[in-house]
C-alpha atoms as a PDB file:
ATOM      1  CA  MET A   1      94.057 163.178 153.505  1.00  0.00           C
ATOM      2  CA  LEU A   2      96.649 163.632 151.847  1.00  0.00           C
ATOM      3  CA  LEU A   3      98.682 160.595 153.350  1.00  0.00           C
ATOM      4  CA  TRP A   4      95.642 158.549 152.465  1.00  0.00           C
ATOM      5  CA  ILE A   5      96.299 159.955 148.864  1.00  0.00           C
ATOM      6  CA  ILE A   6      99.624 159.654 148.569  1.00  0.00           C
ATOM      7  CA  GLY A   7      99.991 155.679 149.655  1.00  0.00           C
ATOM      8  CA  PHE A   8      96.963 154.503 148.262  1.00  0.00           C
ATOM      9  CA  SER A   9      97.792 156.591 144.922  1.00  0.00           C
ATOM     10  CA  LEU A  10     101.095 154.308 145.047  1.00  0.00           C
ATOM     11  CA  LEU A  11      99.760 151.451 146.198  1.00  0.00           C
ATOM     12  CA  GLY A  12      97.233 151.628 143.231  1.00  0.00           C
ATOM     13  CA  SER A  13     100.205 152.287 140.293  1.00  0.00           C
ATOM     14  CA  ILE A  14     103.763 150.122 142.642  1.00  0.00           C
ATOM     15  CA  GLY A  15     101.727 147.918 144.356  1.00  0.00           C
ATOM     16  CA  ALA A  16      99.707 146.715 140.838  1.00  0.00           C
ATOM     17  CA  LEU A  17     102.654 146.440 138.664  1.00  0.00           C
ATOM     18  CA  ALA A  18     104.404 144.517 141.460  1.00  0.00           C
ATOM     19  CA  GLY A  19     101.578 141.988 141.430  1.00  0.00           C
ATOM     20  CA  ALA A  20     101.925 142.254 137.700  1.00  0.00           C
ATOM     21  CA  GLY A  21     104.995 141.031 138.052  1.00  0.00           C
ATOM     22  CA  LEU A  22     104.743 138.620 140.463  1.00  0.00           C
ATOM     23  CA  PHE A  23     102.203 136.910 138.472  1.00  0.00           C
ATOM     24  CA  LEU A  24     104.013 136.559 135.609  1.00  0.00           C
ATOM     25  CA  LEU A  25     106.415 134.516 137.696  1.00  0.00           C
ATOM     26  CA  PHE A  26     103.432 131.668 137.444  1.00  0.00           C
ATOM     27  CA  PRO A  27     103.668 128.144 134.910  1.00  0.00           C
ATOM     28  CA  GLU A  28     102.236 130.470 132.069  1.00  0.00           C
ATOM     29  CA  LYS A  29      99.278 127.438 132.343  1.00  0.00           C
ATOM     30  CA  ILE A  30      98.511 128.618 135.253  1.00  0.00           C
ATOM     31  CA  ARG A  31      98.727 132.547 133.954  1.00  0.00           C
ATOM     32  CA  LYS A  32      96.086 131.670 130.643  1.00  0.00           C
ATOM     33  CA  ASN A  33      93.605 129.968 133.303  1.00  0.00           C
ATOM     34  CA  LEU A  34      93.321 133.048 135.701  1.00  0.00           C
ATOM     35  CA  VAL A  35      93.650 136.343 133.620  1.00  0.00           C
ATOM     36  CA  PRO A  36      90.676 135.783 132.929  1.00  0.00           C
ATOM     37  CA  CYS A  37      89.701 135.506 136.197  1.00  0.00           C
ATOM     38  CA  LEU A  38      90.826 138.473 137.051  1.00  0.00           C
ATOM     39  CA  VAL A  39      89.630 140.244 134.296  1.00  0.00           C
ATOM     40  CA  SER A  40      86.292 139.502 135.341  1.00  0.00           C
ATOM     41  CA  PHE A  41      86.707 140.801 138.871  1.00  0.00           C
ATOM     42  CA  ALA A  42      88.515 143.769 137.349  1.00  0.00           C
ATOM     43  CA  THR A  43      85.120 143.992 135.402  1.00  0.00           C
ATOM     44  CA  GLY A  44      83.258 144.266 138.401  1.00  0.00           C
ATOM     45  CA  THR A  45      85.388 146.041 140.443  1.00  0.00           C
ATOM     46  CA  LEU A  46      85.335 149.094 138.042  1.00  0.00           C
ATOM     47  CA  LEU A  47      81.082 149.209 137.622  1.00  0.00           C
ATOM     48  CA  GLY A  48      80.738 148.909 141.651  1.00  0.00           C
ATOM     49  CA  ALA A  49      83.130 151.508 142.080  1.00  0.00           C
ATOM     50  CA  ALA A  50      81.319 153.544 139.339  1.00  0.00           C
ATOM     51  CA  PHE A  51      77.945 152.379 140.166  1.00  0.00           C
ATOM     52  CA  LEU A  52      77.954 152.243 143.614  1.00  0.00           C
ATOM     53  CA  GLY A  53      80.403 154.640 144.917  1.00  0.00           C
ATOM     54  CA  MET A  54      80.990 158.021 142.376  1.00  0.00           C
ATOM     55  CA  ILE A  55      77.541 158.029 141.174  1.00  0.00           C
ATOM     56  CA  PRO A  56      75.699 158.130 144.157  1.00  0.00           C
ATOM     57  CA  ALA A  57      78.078 160.413 145.605  1.00  0.00           C
ATOM     58  CA  GLY A  58      78.227 162.919 142.797  1.00  0.00           C
ATOM     59  CA  LEU A  59      73.540 163.102 143.228  1.00  0.00           C
ATOM     60  CA  GLU A  60      74.432 163.765 146.410  1.00  0.00           C
ATOM     61  CA  GLN A  61      75.765 166.896 145.642  1.00  0.00           C
ATOM     62  CA  ALA A  62      73.916 168.196 142.196  1.00  0.00           C
ATOM     63  CA  SER A  63      71.227 167.206 140.072  1.00  0.00           C
ATOM     64  CA  THR A  64      71.023 164.087 138.891  1.00  0.00           C
ATOM     65  CA  ILE A  65      70.279 165.483 135.042  1.00  0.00           C
ATOM     66  CA  VAL A  66      73.605 167.157 135.182  1.00  0.00           C
ATOM     67  CA  ILE A  67      75.562 164.347 137.061  1.00  0.00           C
ATOM     68  CA  MET A  68      73.677 161.544 134.257  1.00  0.00           C
ATOM     69  CA  MET A  69      74.724 163.934 131.626  1.00  0.00           C
ATOM     70  CA  THR A  70      77.906 164.179 132.625  1.00  0.00           C
ATOM     71  CA  VAL A  71      79.016 160.459 133.026  1.00  0.00           C
ATOM     72  CA  LEU A  72      77.496 159.803 129.622  1.00  0.00           C
ATOM     73  CA  ALA A  73      79.425 162.960 128.086  1.00  0.00           C
ATOM     74  CA  GLY A  74      82.332 161.196 130.046  1.00  0.00           C
ATOM     75  CA  ILE A  75      82.412 157.323 127.849  1.00  0.00           C
ATOM     76  CA  VAL A  76      81.847 159.787 124.427  1.00  0.00           C
ATOM     77  CA  PHE A  77      84.934 161.637 125.614  1.00  0.00           C
ATOM     78  CA  PHE A  78      87.437 158.378 126.641  1.00  0.00           C
ATOM     79  CA  PHE A  79      85.801 156.754 123.615  1.00  0.00           C
ATOM     80  CA  ALA A  80      86.913 159.650 121.096  1.00  0.00           C
ATOM     81  CA  MET A  81      90.528 160.323 123.290  1.00  0.00           C
ATOM     82  CA  GLU A  82      91.593 156.170 122.468  1.00  0.00           C
ATOM     83  CA  LYS A  83      90.403 156.086 119.026  1.00  0.00           C
ATOM     84  CA  PHE A  84      92.824 159.385 118.239  1.00  0.00           C
ATOM     85  CA  LEU A  85      95.614 158.293 120.667  1.00  0.00           C
ATOM     86  CA  LEU A  86      95.429 154.620 119.154  1.00  0.00           C
ATOM     87  CA  TRP A  87      95.268 153.425 123.048  1.00  0.00           C
ATOM     88  CA  HIS A  88      93.680 150.158 122.768  1.00  0.00           C
ATOM     89  CA  HIS A  89      94.417 147.631 125.453  1.00  0.00           C
ATOM     90  CA  CYS A  90      93.849 144.404 123.511  1.00  0.00           C
ATOM     91  CA  HIS A  91      96.303 142.507 125.710  1.00  0.00           C
ATOM     92  CA  ASP A  92      97.514 140.361 122.165  1.00  0.00           C
ATOM     93  CA  GLY A  93     100.952 142.043 121.195  1.00  0.00           C
ATOM     94  CA  HIS A  94     100.760 140.737 117.379  1.00  0.00           C
ATOM     95  CA  CYS A  95      97.172 142.696 116.414  1.00  0.00           C
ATOM     96  CA  GLU A  96      97.321 145.550 114.211  1.00  0.00           C
ATOM     97  CA  VAL A  97      97.496 148.399 117.182  1.00  0.00           C
ATOM     98  CA  HIS A  98     100.449 146.238 118.701  1.00  0.00           C
ATOM     99  CA  GLY A  99     102.768 145.997 116.029  1.00  0.00           C
ATOM    100  CA  ASN A 100     105.142 148.206 116.738  1.00  0.00           C
ATOM    101  CA  ALA A 101     103.472 149.752 119.974  1.00  0.00           C
ATOM    102  CA  GLY A 102     106.106 149.988 122.895  1.00  0.00           C
ATOM    103  CA  PRO A 103     106.284 153.401 122.614  1.00  0.00           C
ATOM    104  CA  LEU A 104     102.356 154.059 122.048  1.00  0.00           C
ATOM    105  CA  ILE A 105     101.823 151.566 125.223  1.00  0.00           C
ATOM    106  CA  LEU A 106     103.584 153.417 127.537  1.00  0.00           C
ATOM    107  CA  ILE A 107     102.829 156.941 127.066  1.00  0.00           C
ATOM    108  CA  GLY A 108      99.296 156.100 126.773  1.00  0.00           C
ATOM    109  CA  ASP A 109      99.536 153.770 130.159  1.00  0.00           C
ATOM    110  CA  ALA A 110     100.927 156.577 131.474  1.00  0.00           C
ATOM    111  CA  PHE A 111      98.190 159.366 130.362  1.00  0.00           C
ATOM    112  CA  HIS A 112      95.674 156.148 131.668  1.00  0.00           C
ATOM    113  CA  ASN A 113      97.338 156.229 135.417  1.00  0.00           C
ATOM    114  CA  PHE A 114      97.842 159.687 135.736  1.00  0.00           C
ATOM    115  CA  VAL A 115      93.659 159.953 135.573  1.00  0.00           C
ATOM    116  CA  ASP A 116      94.234 156.833 137.804  1.00  0.00           C
ATOM    117  CA  GLY A 117      95.214 159.471 140.501  1.00  0.00           C
ATOM    118  CA  VAL A 118      92.791 162.174 139.677  1.00  0.00           C
ATOM    119  CA  VAL A 119      89.865 159.854 139.967  1.00  0.00           C
ATOM    120  CA  ILE A 120      91.756 158.032 143.052  1.00  0.00           C
ATOM    121  CA  ALA A 121      91.835 161.836 144.744  1.00  0.00           C
ATOM    122  CA  ALA A 122      89.091 162.837 143.961  1.00  0.00           C
ATOM    123  CA  ALA A 123      87.364 160.022 145.732  1.00  0.00           C
ATOM    124  CA  PHE A 124      89.347 160.007 149.066  1.00  0.00           C
ATOM    125  CA  LEU A 125      87.741 164.076 149.209  1.00  0.00           C
ATOM    126  CA  THR A 126      84.354 162.925 149.402  1.00  0.00           C
ATOM    127  CA  SER A 127      84.898 159.559 151.906  1.00  0.00           C
ATOM    128  CA  ILE A 128      87.759 157.765 153.181  1.00  0.00           C
ATOM    129  CA  PRO A 129      85.471 154.515 152.412  1.00  0.00           C
ATOM    130  CA  LEU A 130      85.310 155.569 148.398  1.00  0.00           C
ATOM    131  CA  GLY A 131      88.616 156.398 148.265  1.00  0.00           C
ATOM    132  CA  VAL A 132      89.654 153.247 149.353  1.00  0.00           C
ATOM    133  CA  ALA A 133      87.153 151.694 147.050  1.00  0.00           C
ATOM    134  CA  THR A 134      88.158 153.282 144.555  1.00  0.00           C
ATOM    135  CA  ALA A 135      91.865 152.323 145.323  1.00  0.00           C
ATOM    136  CA  PHE A 136      91.510 148.873 145.171  1.00  0.00           C
ATOM    137  CA  ALA A 137      88.853 148.995 142.066  1.00  0.00           C
ATOM    138  CA  VAL A 138      91.803 150.779 139.979  1.00  0.00           C
ATOM    139  CA  ILE A 139      94.513 148.001 141.334  1.00  0.00           C
ATOM    140  CA  ALA A 140      92.219 144.850 140.131  1.00  0.00           C
ATOM    141  CA  HIS A 141      92.315 146.719 136.452  1.00  0.00           C
ATOM    142  CA  GLU A 142      95.727 147.529 136.571  1.00  0.00           C
ATOM    143  CA  VAL A 143      97.042 144.352 137.661  1.00  0.00           C
ATOM    144  CA  PRO A 144      95.672 142.366 134.540  1.00  0.00           C
ATOM    145  CA  GLN A 145      96.418 145.705 132.101  1.00  0.00           C
ATOM    146  CA  GLU A 146     100.052 145.914 133.403  1.00  0.00           C
ATOM    147  CA  ILE A 147     100.283 141.850 132.342  1.00  0.00           C
ATOM    148  CA  GLY A 148      99.128 142.410 129.042  1.00  0.00           C
ATOM    149  CA  ASP A 149     101.355 145.163 128.599  1.00  0.00           C
ATOM    150  CA  PHE A 150     104.510 143.775 130.099  1.00  0.00           C
ATOM    151  CA  ALA A 151     104.001 141.029 127.704  1.00  0.00           C
ATOM    152  CA  ILE A 152     103.807 143.722 124.792  1.00  0.00           C
ATOM    153  CA  LEU A 153     106.815 145.598 125.330  1.00  0.00           C
ATOM    154  CA  LEU A 154     108.613 142.068 125.471  1.00  0.00           C
ATOM    155  CA  ASP A 155     107.045 140.690 121.955  1.00  0.00           C
ATOM    156  CA  ASN A 156     108.447 144.588 120.278  1.00  0.00           C
ATOM    157  CA  GLY A 157     112.064 142.898 121.804  1.00  0.00           C
ATOM    158  CA  TYR A 158     112.263 145.291 125.617  1.00  0.00           C
ATOM    159  CA  GLU A 159     114.716 143.450 127.634  1.00  0.00           C
ATOM    160  CA  ARG A 160     113.053 142.006 130.684  1.00  0.00           C
ATOM    161  CA  LYS A 161     114.767 144.844 133.440  1.00  0.00           C
ATOM    162  CA  GLN A 162     114.239 147.382 131.016  1.00  0.00           C
ATOM    163  CA  ALA A 163     110.269 146.788 129.922  1.00  0.00           C
ATOM    164  CA  ILE A 164     109.708 146.666 134.438  1.00  0.00           C
ATOM    165  CA  ILE A 165     111.621 149.720 134.695  1.00  0.00           C
ATOM    166  CA  LEU A 166     109.968 151.728 131.884  1.00  0.00           C
ATOM    167  CA  ASN A 167     106.297 150.185 133.277  1.00  0.00           C
ATOM    168  CA  GLY A 168     107.411 151.510 136.754  1.00  0.00           C
ATOM    169  CA  LEU A 169     108.081 154.986 134.842  1.00  0.00           C
ATOM    170  CA  SER A 170     104.871 154.556 134.008  1.00  0.00           C
ATOM    171  CA  ALA A 171     103.336 153.579 136.660  1.00  0.00           C
ATOM    172  CA  ALA A 172     104.446 156.438 138.805  1.00  0.00           C
ATOM    173  CA  ALA A 173     102.015 158.780 137.426  1.00  0.00           C
ATOM    174  CA  THR A 174      99.592 157.920 139.151  1.00  0.00           C
ATOM    175  CA  LEU A 175     100.505 159.733 142.054  1.00  0.00           C
ATOM    176  CA  PRO A 176     100.931 163.374 140.024  1.00  0.00           C
ATOM    177  CA  GLY A 177      97.639 162.741 138.648  1.00  0.00           C
ATOM    178  CA  ALA A 178      96.510 162.934 142.555  1.00  0.00           C
ATOM    179  CA  LEU A 179      98.672 165.238 143.776  1.00  0.00           C
ATOM    180  CA  ALA A 180      97.033 167.720 141.673  1.00  0.00           C
ATOM    181  CA  ALA A 181      93.505 166.579 141.709  1.00  0.00           C
ATOM    182  CA  TYR A 182      93.906 167.434 145.304  1.00  0.00           C
ATOM    183  CA  PHE A 183      95.028 170.607 145.195  1.00  0.00           C
ATOM    184  CA  TRP A 184      92.825 171.753 142.336  1.00  0.00           C
ATOM    185  CA  LEU A 185      90.118 170.081 144.100  1.00  0.00           C
ATOM    186  CA  GLY A 186      90.286 171.127 147.705  1.00  0.00           C
ATOM    187  CA  GLU A 187      90.124 174.869 146.192  1.00  0.00           C
ATOM    188  CA  LEU A 188      87.181 174.084 144.098  1.00  0.00           C
ATOM    189  CA  HIS A 189      84.722 172.110 145.633  1.00  0.00           C
ATOM    190  CA  ALA A 190      81.938 172.498 143.232  1.00  0.00           C
ATOM    191  CA  ALA A 191      83.681 170.684 140.748  1.00  0.00           C
ATOM    192  CA  THR A 192      84.033 167.504 142.739  1.00  0.00           C
ATOM    193  CA  PRO A 193      80.766 166.016 141.913  1.00  0.00           C
ATOM    194  CA  TYR A 194      81.315 165.993 138.450  1.00  0.00           C
ATOM    195  CA  ILE A 195      85.300 164.936 138.614  1.00  0.00           C
ATOM    196  CA  LEU A 196      83.275 162.019 140.268  1.00  0.00           C
ATOM    197  CA  ALA A 197      81.105 161.814 137.911  1.00  0.00           C
ATOM    198  CA  LEU A 198      84.142 161.619 134.790  1.00  0.00           C
ATOM    199  CA  SER A 199      85.969 159.423 137.618  1.00  0.00           C
ATOM    200  CA  ALA A 200      83.110 157.584 136.885  1.00  0.00           C
ATOM    201  CA  ALA A 201      82.613 157.051 133.179  1.00  0.00           C
ATOM    202  CA  SER A 202      86.360 156.556 132.971  1.00  0.00           C
ATOM    203  CA  LEU A 203      85.967 153.133 135.417  1.00  0.00           C
ATOM    204  CA  ILE A 204      82.546 152.280 133.379  1.00  0.00           C
ATOM    205  CA  TYR A 205      84.271 152.886 129.889  1.00  0.00           C
ATOM    206  CA  ILE A 206      87.218 150.437 130.856  1.00  0.00           C
ATOM    207  CA  ALA A 207      85.328 147.626 132.256  1.00  0.00           C
ATOM    208  CA  ILE A 208      83.032 148.192 128.921  1.00  0.00           C
ATOM    209  CA  ALA A 209      85.310 148.472 126.341  1.00  0.00           C
ATOM    210  CA  ASP A 210      88.988 147.730 127.097  1.00  0.00           C
ATOM    211  CA  LEU A 211      88.189 144.363 129.187  1.00  0.00           C
END
């Protein structure tokens, strides 16, 4: 199980970054036409993983009212946290938040990727199929996000090579998040349904607010 978690955590972080890098090789006209499709696909995969995978898995292990209240509390929490950190993903390099947002983007993205690692590990600890589906949902939303973050870093004066390296370091935070969740949740099985509910809240919030 640990190998599954490590492998798909790396795929969800470094793999998504590599996909974004390859996408940037396409001509600008093609990128502009494909990005809305990628964002729509990412939204669907996040909502599908949350409503068809994580929430039902949580409901099998705890009462309906507790799980759904945890999901709602999670959405409110992520909203408050995003506002506090100015952790927006508007993907517009000329907006207020992103005017000088290079370091903020990197810090926010590292934390976001750490949470993604926790989400992947919690899903795998429930079942391998749910873990695989969740990992691909993470990849789907990370590719367009990394494209936007990369563009913001370039717009803030970072060199292309520097932007790739720094984005890679922030993406690598997925693995320690997954490992921390694996060892912590492995000892606290009773917390798994609530972690699944919070993970679902994270995916739902990204889909309905950021994407």
